[in-house]
C-alpha atoms as a PDB file:
ATOM      1  CA  MET A   1      16.676  -9.637 -16.217  1.00  0.00           C
ATOM      2  CA  THR A   2      13.045  -9.391 -15.104  1.00  0.00           C
ATOM      3  CA  ASP A   3      10.644  -7.937 -17.660  1.00  0.00           C
ATOM      4  CA  PRO A   4       8.987  -4.981 -15.841  1.00  0.00           C
ATOM      5  CA  SER A   5       5.770  -5.361 -17.810  1.00  0.00           C
ATOM      6  CA  TRP A   6       4.782  -8.674 -16.181  1.00  0.00           C
ATOM      7  CA  ILE A   7       2.666  -8.554 -12.989  1.00  0.00           C
ATOM      8  CA  ALA A   8       1.694 -11.689 -11.055  1.00  0.00           C
ATOM      9  CA  VAL A   9      -1.864 -11.511  -9.727  1.00  0.00           C
ATOM     10  CA  ASP A  10      -3.286 -13.792  -7.062  1.00  0.00           C
ATOM     11  CA  ALA A  11      -6.601 -14.213  -8.863  1.00  0.00           C
ATOM     12  CA  MET A  12      -8.186 -16.261  -6.062  1.00  0.00           C
ATOM     13  CA  GLY A  13      -7.608 -13.756  -3.234  1.00  0.00           C
ATOM     14  CA  GLY A  14     -10.192 -11.215  -2.148  1.00  0.00           C
ATOM     15  CA  ASP A  15     -13.678 -11.212  -0.688  1.00  0.00           C
ATOM     16  CA  GLU A  16     -15.470 -10.411  -3.951  1.00  0.00           C
ATOM     17  CA  GLY A  17     -14.317 -13.460  -5.910  1.00  0.00           C
ATOM     18  CA  LEU A  18     -12.572 -14.268  -9.163  1.00  0.00           C
ATOM     19  CA  ALA A  19     -14.951 -12.289 -11.401  1.00  0.00           C
ATOM     20  CA  VAL A  20     -14.122  -9.004  -9.687  1.00  0.00           C
ATOM     21  CA  MET A  21     -10.390  -9.776  -9.700  1.00  0.00           C
ATOM     22  CA  LEU A  22     -10.394 -10.444 -13.455  1.00  0.00           C
ATOM     23  CA  ALA A  23     -12.512  -7.359 -14.144  1.00  0.00           C
ATOM     24  CA  GLY A  24     -10.011  -5.283 -12.158  1.00  0.00           C
ATOM     25  CA  VAL A  25      -7.063  -6.753 -14.063  1.00  0.00           C
ATOM     26  CA  ALA A  26      -8.809  -6.052 -17.368  1.00  0.00           C
ATOM     27  CA  ARG A  27      -9.441  -2.476 -16.288  1.00  0.00           C
ATOM     28  CA  ALA A  28      -5.787  -2.058 -15.330  1.00  0.00           C
ATOM     29  CA  ARG A  29      -4.787  -3.414 -18.749  1.00  0.00           C
ATOM     30  CA  ARG A  30      -6.963  -0.768 -20.467  1.00  0.00           C
ATOM     31  CA  ARG A  31      -5.245   1.933 -18.416  1.00  0.00           C
ATOM     32  CA  HIS A  32      -1.716   0.580 -18.958  1.00  0.00           C
ATOM     33  CA  GLU A  33      -1.472  -1.065 -22.359  1.00  0.00           C
ATOM     34  CA  GLU A  34       2.143  -2.122 -21.812  1.00  0.00           C
ATOM     35  CA  MET A  35       1.239  -4.403 -18.921  1.00  0.00           C
ATOM     36  CA  ARG A  36       0.999  -8.198 -19.095  1.00  0.00           C
ATOM     37  CA  PHE A  37      -0.216 -10.556 -16.404  1.00  0.00           C
ATOM     38  CA  LEU A  38       0.462 -13.942 -14.871  1.00  0.00           C
ATOM     39  CA  LEU A  39      -2.926 -14.928 -13.444  1.00  0.00           C
ATOM     40  CA  VAL A  40      -2.399 -17.402 -10.624  1.00  0.00           C
ATOM     41  CA  GLY A  41      -5.162 -19.703  -9.410  1.00  0.00           C
ATOM     42  CA  ASP A  42      -7.549 -22.431 -10.524  1.00  0.00           C
ATOM     43  CA  GLU A  43      -6.751 -22.859 -14.226  1.00  0.00           C
ATOM     44  CA  SER A  44     -10.197 -23.917 -15.390  1.00  0.00           C
ATOM     45  CA  ALA A  45     -12.003 -21.192 -13.437  1.00  0.00           C
ATOM     46  CA  ILE A  46      -9.663 -18.466 -14.704  1.00  0.00           C
ATOM     47  CA  ALA A  47      -9.927 -19.703 -18.301  1.00  0.00           C
ATOM     48  CA  ALA A  48     -13.721 -19.586 -18.071  1.00  0.00           C
ATOM     49  CA  GLY A  49     -13.629 -16.089 -16.572  1.00  0.00           C
ATOM     50  CA  LEU A  50     -11.301 -14.782 -19.276  1.00  0.00           C
ATOM     51  CA  LYS A  51     -13.989 -15.439 -21.893  1.00  0.00           C
ATOM     52  CA  ASN A  52     -15.598 -12.218 -20.650  1.00  0.00           C
ATOM     53  CA  HIS A  53     -12.339 -10.304 -21.201  1.00  0.00           C
ATOM     54  CA  PRO A  54     -10.943 -11.225 -24.638  1.00  0.00           C
ATOM     55  CA  ASN A  55      -8.452  -8.352 -24.669  1.00  0.00           C
ATOM     56  CA  LEU A  56      -7.001  -9.510 -21.342  1.00  0.00           C
ATOM     57  CA  SER A  57      -6.689 -13.075 -22.647  1.00  0.00           C
ATOM     58  CA  GLN A  58      -4.293 -11.908 -25.336  1.00  0.00           C
ATOM     59  CA  HIS A  59      -1.954 -10.322 -22.793  1.00  0.00           C
ATOM     60  CA  SER A  60      -1.953 -12.804 -19.934  1.00  0.00           C
ATOM     61  CA  GLU A  61      -0.911 -16.307 -18.999  1.00  0.00           C
ATOM     62  CA  ILE A  62      -2.536 -18.637 -16.491  1.00  0.00           C
ATOM     63  CA  VAL A  63      -0.374 -20.220 -13.789  1.00  0.00           C
ATOM     64  CA  HIS A  64      -2.267 -23.036 -12.108  1.00  0.00           C
ATOM     65  CA  ALA A  65      -2.459 -23.157  -8.317  1.00  0.00           C
ATOM     66  CA  PRO A  66      -4.444 -26.017  -6.759  1.00  0.00           C
ATOM     67  CA  GLU A  67      -5.054 -24.282  -3.412  1.00  0.00           C
ATOM     68  CA  THR A  68      -5.850 -20.880  -1.910  1.00  0.00           C
ATOM     69  CA  VAL A  69      -4.987 -19.206   1.391  1.00  0.00           C
ATOM     70  CA  GLU A  70      -8.048 -18.865   3.618  1.00  0.00           C
ATOM     71  CA  ALA A  71      -8.974 -15.464   5.038  1.00  0.00           C
ATOM     72  CA  ALA A  72      -8.610 -16.623   8.659  1.00  0.00           C
ATOM     73  CA  GLU A  73      -5.613 -18.882   8.094  1.00  0.00           C
ATOM     74  CA  LYS A  74      -2.618 -18.367  10.358  1.00  0.00           C
ATOM     75  CA  PRO A  75       0.568 -17.195   8.604  1.00  0.00           C
ATOM     76  CA  THR A  76       2.514 -20.172   9.984  1.00  0.00           C
ATOM     77  CA  GLN A  77       0.030 -22.532   8.372  1.00  0.00           C
ATOM     78  CA  ALA A  78      -0.033 -20.629   5.089  1.00  0.00           C
ATOM     79  CA  ILE A  79       3.765 -20.713   4.778  1.00  0.00           C
ATOM     80  CA  ARG A  80       3.688 -24.537   4.801  1.00  0.00           C
ATOM     81  CA  ARG A  81       1.462 -24.437   1.705  1.00  0.00           C
ATOM     82  CA  ALA A  82       3.324 -21.664  -0.137  1.00  0.00           C
ATOM     83  CA  LYS A  83       4.260 -23.922  -3.065  1.00  0.00           C
ATOM     84  CA  THR A  84       0.659 -24.920  -3.785  1.00  0.00           C
ATOM     85  CA  THR A  85      -1.397 -21.763  -3.055  1.00  0.00           C
ATOM     86  CA  SER A  86      -2.138 -18.947  -5.492  1.00  0.00           C
ATOM     87  CA  MET A  87      -0.638 -16.396  -3.094  1.00  0.00           C
ATOM     88  CA  GLY A  88       2.592 -18.328  -2.556  1.00  0.00           C
ATOM     89  CA  ILE A  89       3.060 -19.076  -6.244  1.00  0.00           C
ATOM     90  CA  ALA A  90       2.485 -15.410  -7.198  1.00  0.00           C
ATOM     91  CA  ILE A  91       5.262 -14.361  -4.802  1.00  0.00           C
ATOM     92  CA  ASP A  92       7.534 -17.126  -6.075  1.00  0.00           C
ATOM     93  CA  LEU A  93       7.116 -15.782  -9.622  1.00  0.00           C
ATOM     94  CA  VAL A  94       8.651 -12.524  -8.400  1.00  0.00           C
ATOM     95  CA  LYS A  95      11.453 -14.395  -6.667  1.00  0.00           C
ATOM     96  CA  ARG A  96      12.280 -16.318  -9.847  1.00  0.00           C
ATOM     97  CA  GLY A  97      12.186 -13.197 -12.017  1.00  0.00           C
ATOM     98  CA  ARG A  98       9.123 -14.225 -14.026  1.00  0.00           C
ATOM     99  CA  ALA A  99       7.183 -11.240 -12.692  1.00  0.00           C
ATOM    100  CA  ALA A 100       8.287  -7.784 -11.600  1.00  0.00           C
ATOM    101  CA  ALA A 101       5.629  -7.530  -8.861  1.00  0.00           C
ATOM    102  CA  ALA A 102       2.913  -9.545  -7.132  1.00  0.00           C
ATOM    103  CA  VAL A 103      -0.571  -8.285  -6.240  1.00  0.00           C
ATOM    104  CA  SER A 104      -2.941 -10.078  -3.865  1.00  0.00           C
ATOM    105  CA  SER A 105      -6.208  -9.265  -2.098  1.00  0.00           C
ATOM    106  CA  GLY A 106      -5.787 -12.177   0.296  1.00  0.00           C
ATOM    107  CA  ASN A 107      -4.816 -12.690   3.936  1.00  0.00           C
ATOM    108  CA  THR A 108      -2.479  -9.820   4.929  1.00  0.00           C
ATOM    109  CA  GLY A 109      -0.520 -11.724   7.575  1.00  0.00           C
ATOM    110  CA  ALA A 110       0.071 -14.675   5.281  1.00  0.00           C
ATOM    111  CA  LEU A 111       1.097 -12.385   2.423  1.00  0.00           C
ATOM    112  CA  MET A 112       3.678 -10.614   4.572  1.00  0.00           C
ATOM    113  CA  ALA A 113       5.077 -13.840   5.997  1.00  0.00           C
ATOM    114  CA  MET A 114       5.385 -15.506   2.594  1.00  0.00           C
ATOM    115  CA  ALA A 115       6.887 -12.431   0.954  1.00  0.00           C
ATOM    116  CA  LYS A 116       9.446 -11.923   3.705  1.00  0.00           C
ATOM    117  CA  LEU A 117      10.514 -15.574   3.611  1.00  0.00           C
ATOM    118  CA  ALA A 118      10.717 -15.817  -0.192  1.00  0.00           C
ATOM    119  CA  LEU A 119      12.103 -12.400  -1.155  1.00  0.00           C
ATOM    120  CA  ARG A 120      14.130 -11.532   1.955  1.00  0.00           C
ATOM    121  CA  MET A 121      14.795  -8.015   3.214  1.00  0.00           C
ATOM    122  CA  LEU A 122      16.849  -5.340   1.515  1.00  0.00           C
ATOM    123  CA  PRO A 123      20.320  -4.886   3.109  1.00  0.00           C
ATOM    124  CA  GLY A 124      19.993  -2.470   6.018  1.00  0.00           C
ATOM    125  CA  ILE A 125      16.280  -3.102   6.596  1.00  0.00           C
ATOM    126  CA  ASP A 126      15.243  -5.116   9.642  1.00  0.00           C
ATOM    127  CA  ARG A 127      11.495  -5.400   9.042  1.00  0.00           C
ATOM    128  CA  PRO A 128       9.037  -4.764   6.217  1.00  0.00           C
ATOM    129  CA  ALA A 129       6.487  -1.999   6.664  1.00  0.00           C
ATOM    130  CA  LEU A 130       3.002  -1.856   5.182  1.00  0.00           C
ATOM    131  CA  ALA A 131       2.488   1.546   3.546  1.00  0.00           C
ATOM    132  CA  ALA A 132      -0.483   3.071   1.739  1.00  0.00           C
ATOM    133  CA  PRO A 133      -1.666   6.504   0.588  1.00  0.00           C
ATOM    134  CA  LEU A 134      -4.537   8.071   2.528  1.00  0.00           C
ATOM    135  CA  PRO A 135      -6.686  11.023   1.343  1.00  0.00           C
ATOM    136  CA  THR A 136      -5.969  14.551   2.631  1.00  0.00           C
ATOM    137  CA  LEU A 137      -7.055  18.145   2.082  1.00  0.00           C
ATOM    138  CA  GLY A 138      -3.685  18.918   0.495  1.00  0.00           C
ATOM    139  CA  ASP A 139      -2.419  18.703  -3.066  1.00  0.00           C
ATOM    140  CA  ASN A 140      -1.649  15.006  -2.695  1.00  0.00           C
ATOM    141  CA  ASP A 141      -2.436  12.065  -0.419  1.00  0.00           C
ATOM    142  CA  VAL A 142      -0.236  11.155   2.540  1.00  0.00           C
ATOM    143  CA  VAL A 143       1.769   7.935   2.760  1.00  0.00           C
ATOM    144  CA  MET A 144       1.303   6.296   6.150  1.00  0.00           C
ATOM    145  CA  LEU A 145       3.383   3.445   7.531  1.00  0.00           C
ATOM    146  CA  ASP A 146       3.454   1.055   9.265  1.00  0.00           C
ATOM    147  CA  LEU A 147      -0.203   0.057   8.956  1.00  0.00           C
ATOM    148  CA  GLY A 148      -0.034  -3.207  10.870  1.00  0.00           C
ATOM    149  CA  ALA A 149       2.955  -5.309   9.907  1.00  0.00           C
ATOM    150  CA  ASN A 150       4.885  -4.561  13.145  1.00  0.00           C
ATOM    151  CA  THR A 151       3.042  -3.867  16.388  1.00  0.00           C
ATOM    152  CA  GLU A 152       6.227  -2.930  18.264  1.00  0.00           C
ATOM    153  CA  CYS A 153       9.095  -0.898  16.776  1.00  0.00           C
ATOM    154  CA  ASP A 154      12.314   0.602  18.077  1.00  0.00           C
ATOM    155  CA  ALA A 155      13.914   3.866  16.943  1.00  0.00           C
ATOM    156  CA  ARG A 156      15.963   2.117  14.267  1.00  0.00           C
ATOM    157  CA  ASN A 157      12.803   0.625  12.732  1.00  0.00           C
ATOM    158  CA  LEU A 158      11.055   4.002  12.683  1.00  0.00           C
ATOM    159  CA  VAL A 159      14.008   5.676  10.955  1.00  0.00           C
ATOM    160  CA  GLN A 160      14.048   2.922   8.341  1.00  0.00           C
ATOM    161  CA  PHE A 161      10.304   3.363   7.827  1.00  0.00           C
ATOM    162  CA  ALA A 162      10.833   7.099   7.292  1.00  0.00           C
ATOM    163  CA  ILE A 163      13.474   6.467   4.626  1.00  0.00           C
ATOM    164  CA  MET A 164      11.332   3.888   2.823  1.00  0.00           C
ATOM    165  CA  GLY A 165       8.182   6.001   3.080  1.00  0.00           C
ATOM    166  CA  ALA A 166       9.970   9.017   1.617  1.00  0.00           C
ATOM    167  CA  ALA A 167      11.255   6.955  -1.321  1.00  0.00           C
ATOM    168  CA  TYR A 168       7.723   5.704  -1.915  1.00  0.00           C
ATOM    169  CA  ALA A 169       6.260   9.234  -1.736  1.00  0.00           C
ATOM    170  CA  ARG A 170       8.820  10.571  -4.209  1.00  0.00           C
ATOM    171  CA  ILE A 171       7.600   8.004  -6.724  1.00  0.00           C
ATOM    172  CA  ILE A 172       3.825   8.165  -6.368  1.00  0.00           C
ATOM    173  CA  PHE A 173       3.597  11.918  -5.697  1.00  0.00           C
ATOM    174  CA  ASP A 174       6.535  13.006  -7.890  1.00  0.00           C
ATOM    175  CA  LEU A 175       8.182  14.957  -5.050  1.00  0.00           C
ATOM    176  CA  GLU A 176      11.860  15.820  -4.615  1.00  0.00           C
ATOM    177  CA  ARG A 177      11.834  16.135  -0.807  1.00  0.00           C
ATOM    178  CA  PRO A 178       8.750  14.675   0.881  1.00  0.00           C
ATOM    179  CA  ARG A 179       7.756  16.152   4.246  1.00  0.00           C
ATOM    180  CA  VAL A 180       8.070  13.378   6.840  1.00  0.00           C
ATOM    181  CA  GLY A 181       6.524  13.460  10.315  1.00  0.00           C
ATOM    182  CA  LEU A 182       6.364  11.034  13.248  1.00  0.00           C
ATOM    183  CA  LEU A 183       2.923  10.270  14.695  1.00  0.00           C
ATOM    184  CA  ASN A 184       2.953  11.224  18.368  1.00  0.00           C
ATOM    185  CA  ILE A 185       0.692  12.264  21.247  1.00  0.00           C
ATOM    186  CA  GLY A 186       1.945  15.847  21.051  1.00  0.00           C
ATOM    187  CA  SER A 187       4.087  18.146  18.922  1.00  0.00           C
ATOM    188  CA  GLU A 188       6.510  19.108  21.707  1.00  0.00           C
ATOM    189  CA  ASP A 189      10.008  17.579  21.666  1.00  0.00           C
ATOM    190  CA  GLN A 190       9.618  15.963  25.099  1.00  0.00           C
ATOM    191  CA  LYS A 191       6.381  14.117  24.189  1.00  0.00           C
ATOM    192  CA  GLY A 192       6.168  10.442  23.320  1.00  0.00           C
ATOM    193  CA  THR A 193       8.125   7.292  24.024  1.00  0.00           C
ATOM    194  CA  ASP A 194      11.906   6.984  24.077  1.00  0.00           C
ATOM    195  CA  GLU A 195      11.766   5.174  20.726  1.00  0.00           C
ATOM    196  CA  ILE A 196       9.890   8.027  19.034  1.00  0.00           C
ATOM    197  CA  ARG A 197      12.131  10.730  20.494  1.00  0.00           C
ATOM    198  CA  ASP A 198      15.300   8.819  19.533  1.00  0.00           C
ATOM    199  CA  ALA A 199      14.014   8.335  16.001  1.00  0.00           C
ATOM    200  CA  ALA A 200      13.257  12.057  15.757  1.00  0.00           C
ATOM    201  CA  HIS A 201      16.801  12.902  16.880  1.00  0.00           C
ATOM    202  CA  THR A 202      18.324  10.646  14.211  1.00  0.00           C
ATOM    203  CA  LEU A 203      16.101  12.035  11.466  1.00  0.00           C
ATOM    204  CA  ARG A 204      16.901  15.625  12.413  1.00  0.00           C
ATOM    205  CA  GLU A 205      20.629  14.897  12.289  1.00  0.00           C
ATOM    206  CA  THR A 206      20.665  12.859   9.096  1.00  0.00           C
ATOM    207  CA  ALA A 207      17.918  14.548   7.078  1.00  0.00           C
ATOM    208  CA  ASN A 208      17.919  18.186   8.107  1.00  0.00           C
ATOM    209  CA  GLY A 209      21.421  18.446   9.582  1.00  0.00           C
ATOM    210  CA  ALA A 210      24.689  19.352   7.916  1.00  0.00           C
ATOM    211  CA  VAL A 211      25.789  15.694   7.808  1.00  0.00           C
ATOM    212  CA  GLY A 212      22.569  14.712   6.068  1.00  0.00           C
ATOM    213  CA  GLY A 213      21.764  14.392   2.423  1.00  0.00           C
ATOM    214  CA  LEU A 214      18.624  12.272   2.625  1.00  0.00           C
ATOM    215  CA  PRO A 215      16.026  13.486   0.114  1.00  0.00           C
ATOM    216  CA  LEU A 216      13.393  14.293   2.726  1.00  0.00           C
ATOM    217  CA  ASP A 217      12.432  17.093   5.117  1.00  0.00           C
ATOM    218  CA  PHE A 218      11.770  15.911   8.652  1.00  0.00           C
ATOM    219  CA  THR A 219       8.970  18.082  10.052  1.00  0.00           C
ATOM    220  CA  GLY A 220       8.881  16.692  13.596  1.00  0.00           C
ATOM    221  CA  PHE A 221       5.924  15.238  15.450  1.00  0.00           C
ATOM    222  CA  VAL A 222       2.351  15.195  14.153  1.00  0.00           C
ATOM    223  CA  GLU A 223      -0.788  14.525  16.198  1.00  0.00           C
ATOM    224  CA  GLY A 224      -3.640  12.276  15.110  1.00  0.00           C
ATOM    225  CA  ASP A 225      -6.048  15.116  14.344  1.00  0.00           C
ATOM    226  CA  LYS A 226      -3.624  16.486  11.726  1.00  0.00           C
ATOM    227  CA  LEU A 227      -3.343  13.325   9.622  1.00  0.00           C
ATOM    228  CA  ALA A 228      -5.633  14.573   6.854  1.00  0.00           C
ATOM    229  CA  ARG A 229      -4.653  18.241   6.823  1.00  0.00           C
ATOM    230  CA  GLY A 230      -2.190  17.828   3.969  1.00  0.00           C
ATOM    231  CA  ASP A 231       0.760  19.276   5.898  1.00  0.00           C
ATOM    232  CA  HIS A 232       2.810  16.077   5.519  1.00  0.00           C
ATOM    233  CA  ASP A 233       3.620  13.708   2.674  1.00  0.00           C
ATOM    234  CA  VAL A 234       4.691  10.802   4.907  1.00  0.00           C
ATOM    235  CA  ILE A 235       3.600   9.917   8.442  1.00  0.00           C
ATOM    236  CA  VAL A 236       5.566   7.253  10.321  1.00  0.00           C
ATOM    237  CA  CYS A 237       4.441   5.159  13.296  1.00  0.00           C
ATOM    238  CA  ASP A 238       4.518   1.608  14.595  1.00  0.00           C
ATOM    239  CA  GLY A 239       2.022  -0.874  13.200  1.00  0.00           C
ATOM    240  CA  PHE A 240      -0.151  -0.861  16.318  1.00  0.00           C
ATOM    241  CA  ALA A 241      -0.865   2.864  16.174  1.00  0.00           C
ATOM    242  CA  GLY A 242      -0.954   2.894  12.382  1.00  0.00           C
ATOM    243  CA  ASN A 243      -3.581   0.191  12.063  1.00  0.00           C
ATOM    244  CA  ILE A 244      -5.806   1.864  14.651  1.00  0.00           C
ATOM    245  CA  ALA A 245      -5.419   5.211  12.864  1.00  0.00           C
ATOM    246  CA  LEU A 246      -6.247   3.615   9.504  1.00  0.00           C
ATOM    247  CA  LYS A 247      -9.358   1.826  10.760  1.00  0.00           C
ATOM    248  CA  THR A 248     -10.495   4.991  12.554  1.00  0.00           C
ATOM    249  CA  ALA A 249     -10.111   7.021   9.363  1.00  0.00           C
ATOM    250  CA  GLU A 250     -12.037   4.427   7.335  1.00  0.00           C
ATOM    251  CA  GLY A 251     -14.794   4.338   9.943  1.00  0.00           C
ATOM    252  CA  THR A 252     -15.002   8.131  10.020  1.00  0.00           C
ATOM    253  CA  ALA A 253     -15.323   8.254   6.234  1.00  0.00           C
ATOM    254  CA  ARG A 254     -18.193   5.756   6.324  1.00  0.00           C
ATOM    255  CA  PHE A 255     -19.804   7.681   9.195  1.00  0.00           C
ATOM    256  CA  VAL A 256     -19.707  10.951   7.253  1.00  0.00           C
ATOM    257  CA  ALA A 257     -21.092   9.295   4.107  1.00  0.00           C
ATOM    258  CA  ASP A 258     -23.935   7.584   6.004  1.00  0.00           C
ATOM    259  CA  LEU A 259     -24.710  10.770   7.925  1.00  0.00           C
ATOM    260  CA  LEU A 260     -25.011  12.779   4.714  1.00  0.00           C
ATOM    261  CA  LYS A 261     -27.194  10.100   3.164  1.00  0.00           C
ATOM    262  CA  ARG A 262     -29.495  10.129   6.179  1.00  0.00           C
ATOM    263  CA  ALA A 263     -29.621  13.937   6.282  1.00  0.00           C
ATOM    264  CA  PHE A 264     -30.468  14.298   2.598  1.00  0.00           C
ATOM    265  CA  SER A 265     -33.264  11.720   2.775  1.00  0.00           C
ATOM    266  CA  SER A 266     -34.921  13.086   5.915  1.00  0.00           C
ATOM    267  CA  SER A 267     -37.453  15.358   4.155  1.00  0.00           C
ATOM    268  CA  ALA A 268     -38.612  16.650   0.779  1.00  0.00           C
ATOM    269  CA  ARG A 269     -36.646  19.867   1.317  1.00  0.00           C
ATOM    270  CA  SER A 270     -33.527  17.846   2.097  1.00  0.00           C
ATOM    271  CA  LYS A 271     -33.950  15.844  -1.102  1.00  0.00           C
ATOM    272  CA  ILE A 272     -34.138  19.066  -3.113  1.00  0.00           C
ATOM    273  CA  GLY A 273     -31.001  20.228  -1.314  1.00  0.00           C
ATOM    274  CA  PHE A 274     -29.286  16.991  -2.305  1.00  0.00           C
ATOM    275  CA  LEU A 275     -30.058  17.570  -5.984  1.00  0.00           C
ATOM    276  CA  ILE A 276     -28.587  21.062  -5.776  1.00  0.00           C
ATOM    277  CA  SER A 277     -25.448  19.922  -3.939  1.00  0.00           C
ATOM    278  CA  ARG A 278     -25.034  16.644  -5.848  1.00  0.00           C
ATOM    279  CA  PRO A 279     -21.813  17.647  -7.685  1.00  0.00           C
ATOM    280  CA  ALA A 280     -20.168  18.486  -4.348  1.00  0.00           C
ATOM    281  CA  THR A 281     -21.345  15.310  -2.633  1.00  0.00           C
ATOM    282  CA  GLU A 282     -20.147  13.150  -5.537  1.00  0.00           C
ATOM    283  CA  LEU A 283     -16.747  14.841  -5.328  1.00  0.00           C
ATOM    284  CA  LEU A 284     -16.648  14.057  -1.609  1.00  0.00           C
ATOM    285  CA  ARG A 285     -17.658  10.444  -2.249  1.00  0.00           C
ATOM    286  CA  ASP A 286     -14.947   9.960  -4.849  1.00  0.00           C
ATOM    287  CA  HIS A 287     -12.314  11.554  -2.605  1.00  0.00           C
ATOM    288  CA  LEU A 288     -13.180   9.290   0.319  1.00  0.00           C
ATOM    289  CA  ASP A 289     -13.723   6.123  -1.736  1.00  0.00           C
ATOM    290  CA  PRO A 290     -10.997   3.674  -0.583  1.00  0.00           C
ATOM    291  CA  ASN A 291     -10.972   2.101  -4.049  1.00  0.00           C
ATOM    292  CA  ASN A 292      -9.361   5.279  -5.373  1.00  0.00           C
ATOM    293  CA  HIS A 293      -6.505   4.888  -2.858  1.00  0.00           C
ATOM    294  CA  ASN A 294      -6.211   1.092  -2.872  1.00  0.00           C
ATOM    295  CA  GLY A 295      -2.916  -0.760  -2.895  1.00  0.00           C
ATOM    296  CA  ALA A 296      -0.691  -0.991   0.180  1.00  0.00           C
ATOM    297  CA  VAL A 297       2.917  -2.024  -0.474  1.00  0.00           C
ATOM    298  CA  PHE A 298       5.282  -4.003   1.740  1.00  0.00           C
ATOM    299  CA  LEU A 299       8.310  -1.715   1.783  1.00  0.00           C
ATOM    300  CA  GLY A 300      11.751  -3.133   2.538  1.00  0.00           C
ATOM    301  CA  LEU A 301      11.467  -6.385   0.612  1.00  0.00           C
ATOM    302  CA  ASN A 302      13.815  -7.342  -2.186  1.00  0.00           C
ATOM    303  CA  GLY A 303      10.891  -7.139  -4.598  1.00  0.00           C
ATOM    304  CA  VAL A 304       7.515  -5.416  -5.024  1.00  0.00           C
ATOM    305  CA  VAL A 305       4.468  -6.954  -3.308  1.00  0.00           C
ATOM    306  CA  VAL A 306       1.214  -4.995  -3.192  1.00  0.00           C
ATOM    307  CA  LYS A 307      -1.733  -5.794  -0.923  1.00  0.00           C
ATOM    308  CA  SER A 308      -5.132  -4.925  -2.353  1.00  0.00           C
ATOM    309  CA  HIS A 309      -8.006  -4.496   0.101  1.00  0.00           C
ATOM    310  CA  GLY A 310      -9.979  -7.718   0.437  1.00  0.00           C
ATOM    311  CA  GLY A 311     -13.263  -5.948  -0.262  1.00  0.00           C
ATOM    312  CA  ALA A 312     -11.976  -3.894  -3.197  1.00  0.00           C
ATOM    313  CA  ASN A 313     -14.197  -3.633  -6.261  1.00  0.00           C
ATOM    314  CA  GLU A 314     -13.081  -3.639  -9.895  1.00  0.00           C
ATOM    315  CA  LEU A 315     -11.791  -0.062  -9.617  1.00  0.00           C
ATOM    316  CA  GLY A 316      -9.880  -0.838  -6.426  1.00  0.00           C
ATOM    317  CA  VAL A 317      -8.158  -3.881  -7.924  1.00  0.00           C
ATOM    318  CA  ALA A 318      -7.132  -1.856 -10.977  1.00  0.00           C
ATOM    319  CA  THR A 319      -5.791   0.916  -8.730  1.00  0.00           C
ATOM    320  CA  ALA A 320      -3.651  -1.546  -6.754  1.00  0.00           C
ATOM    321  CA  ILE A 321      -2.238  -3.095  -9.934  1.00  0.00           C
ATOM    322  CA  GLY A 322      -1.462   0.322 -11.373  1.00  0.00           C
ATOM    323  CA  ASN A 323       0.332   1.217  -8.159  1.00  0.00           C
ATOM    324  CA  ALA A 324       2.468  -1.915  -8.433  1.00  0.00           C
ATOM    325  CA  ALA A 325       3.370  -1.131 -12.046  1.00  0.00           C
ATOM    326  CA  LYS A 326       4.402   2.405 -11.138  1.00  0.00           C
ATOM    327  CA  LEU A 327       6.666   1.221  -8.329  1.00  0.00           C
ATOM    328  CA  VAL A 328       8.337  -1.267 -10.650  1.00  0.00           C
ATOM    329  CA  SER A 329       8.949   1.277 -13.402  1.00  0.00           C
ATOM    330  CA  ALA A 330      10.396   3.742 -10.881  1.00  0.00           C
ATOM    331  CA  ASN A 331      12.679   1.035  -9.380  1.00  0.00           C
ATOM    332  CA  LEU A 332      11.498   1.456  -5.794  1.00  0.00           C
ATOM    333  CA  THR A 333      13.868  -1.125  -4.298  1.00  0.00           C
ATOM    334  CA  ARG A 334      16.954   0.587  -5.777  1.00  0.00           C
ATOM    335  CA  ARG A 335      15.839   3.995  -4.482  1.00  0.00           C
ATOM    336  CA  ILE A 336      15.402   2.649  -0.970  1.00  0.00           C
ATOM    337  CA  ALA A 337      18.799   0.933  -1.114  1.00  0.00           C
ATOM    338  CA  ASP A 338      20.462   4.180  -2.246  1.00  0.00           C
ATOM    339  CA  ASP A 339      18.869   6.162   0.593  1.00  0.00           C
ATOM    340  CA  LEU A 340      19.939   3.567   3.155  1.00  0.00           C
ATOM    341  CA  GLY A 341      23.488   3.879   1.896  1.00  0.00           C
ATOM    342  CA  ALA A 342      23.280   7.645   2.325  1.00  0.00           C
ATOM    343  CA  ILE A 343      22.149   7.436   5.946  1.00  0.00           C
ATOM    344  CA  ARG A 344      24.837   4.872   6.790  1.00  0.00           C
ATOM    345  CA  GLN A 345      27.442   7.223   5.384  1.00  0.00           C
ATOM    346  CA  ALA A 346      25.953  10.170   7.266  1.00  0.00           C
ATOM    347  CA  VAL A 347      25.913   8.323  10.591  1.00  0.00           C
ATOM    348  CA  ALA A 348      29.484   7.073  10.059  1.00  0.00           C
END
């Protein structure tokens, strides 16, 4: 049986380098003292870096990997080197039961391809979906999926994403019945593609209907300008729309932050205003900081694989690792499998 305290970390992935990865792992260890780590990558480089983190050294092991996956490398090329790269070996540790989860900041396409090939899909799931929490004005963040793993999806895929997203939201937000909506161009029933309308029909019948039993509340369609209102706990879409929505939200957050910075530095009076409003602006900065929401998970795999943002800092890496540990302890894969069984029974 896999020890849930062990997390495999691709120490060589990420734009910021090994030092930031190790600092993030050490920070995660301080937050979660029960965790232990398999640090995968160049053995000599990791050993040298661990000298700066003596506490981490006592609770980790180094797994040597002679190669790394390049940021621009094609998934088909990366798969051929899975047995020798830090990313591929980290995933293989999950497959072999040495680790309960794998975390990487590397190439997203390669990570998905390797994970899908090595771990396989859960029974009843056709495709993995990339899901992550995004900030809102509500009491909790909103889980959005798919964020780019599948550019085209049919109704069956969208229903599966809804089930997986709800299971994920129940764990990270501690909710009994997450509110699930489908991203669409309008809230009216006749809006959208056939795939979206068919998925909505299935979710209404199996979640809200008398034959249901799924632990979620399907709220219907949601438009793009309502993503951050806090009215939903899960928003489902295909990977094409989801990735555009994610990048737009990240760009808007940077735009607002840069605009405030420019406004507060425009004059002496503005600088005084900044000092007065500093507590509020720092709260806004922390709420929009992607490092506080880092850690997208590939839902639907027979194992936990978390993608950390390539540009994440120490805080972001620690957040992604903590997210992985929480999903392991809550047995995410079993919850998804149970919900899939419920919908199959309801449809039958």
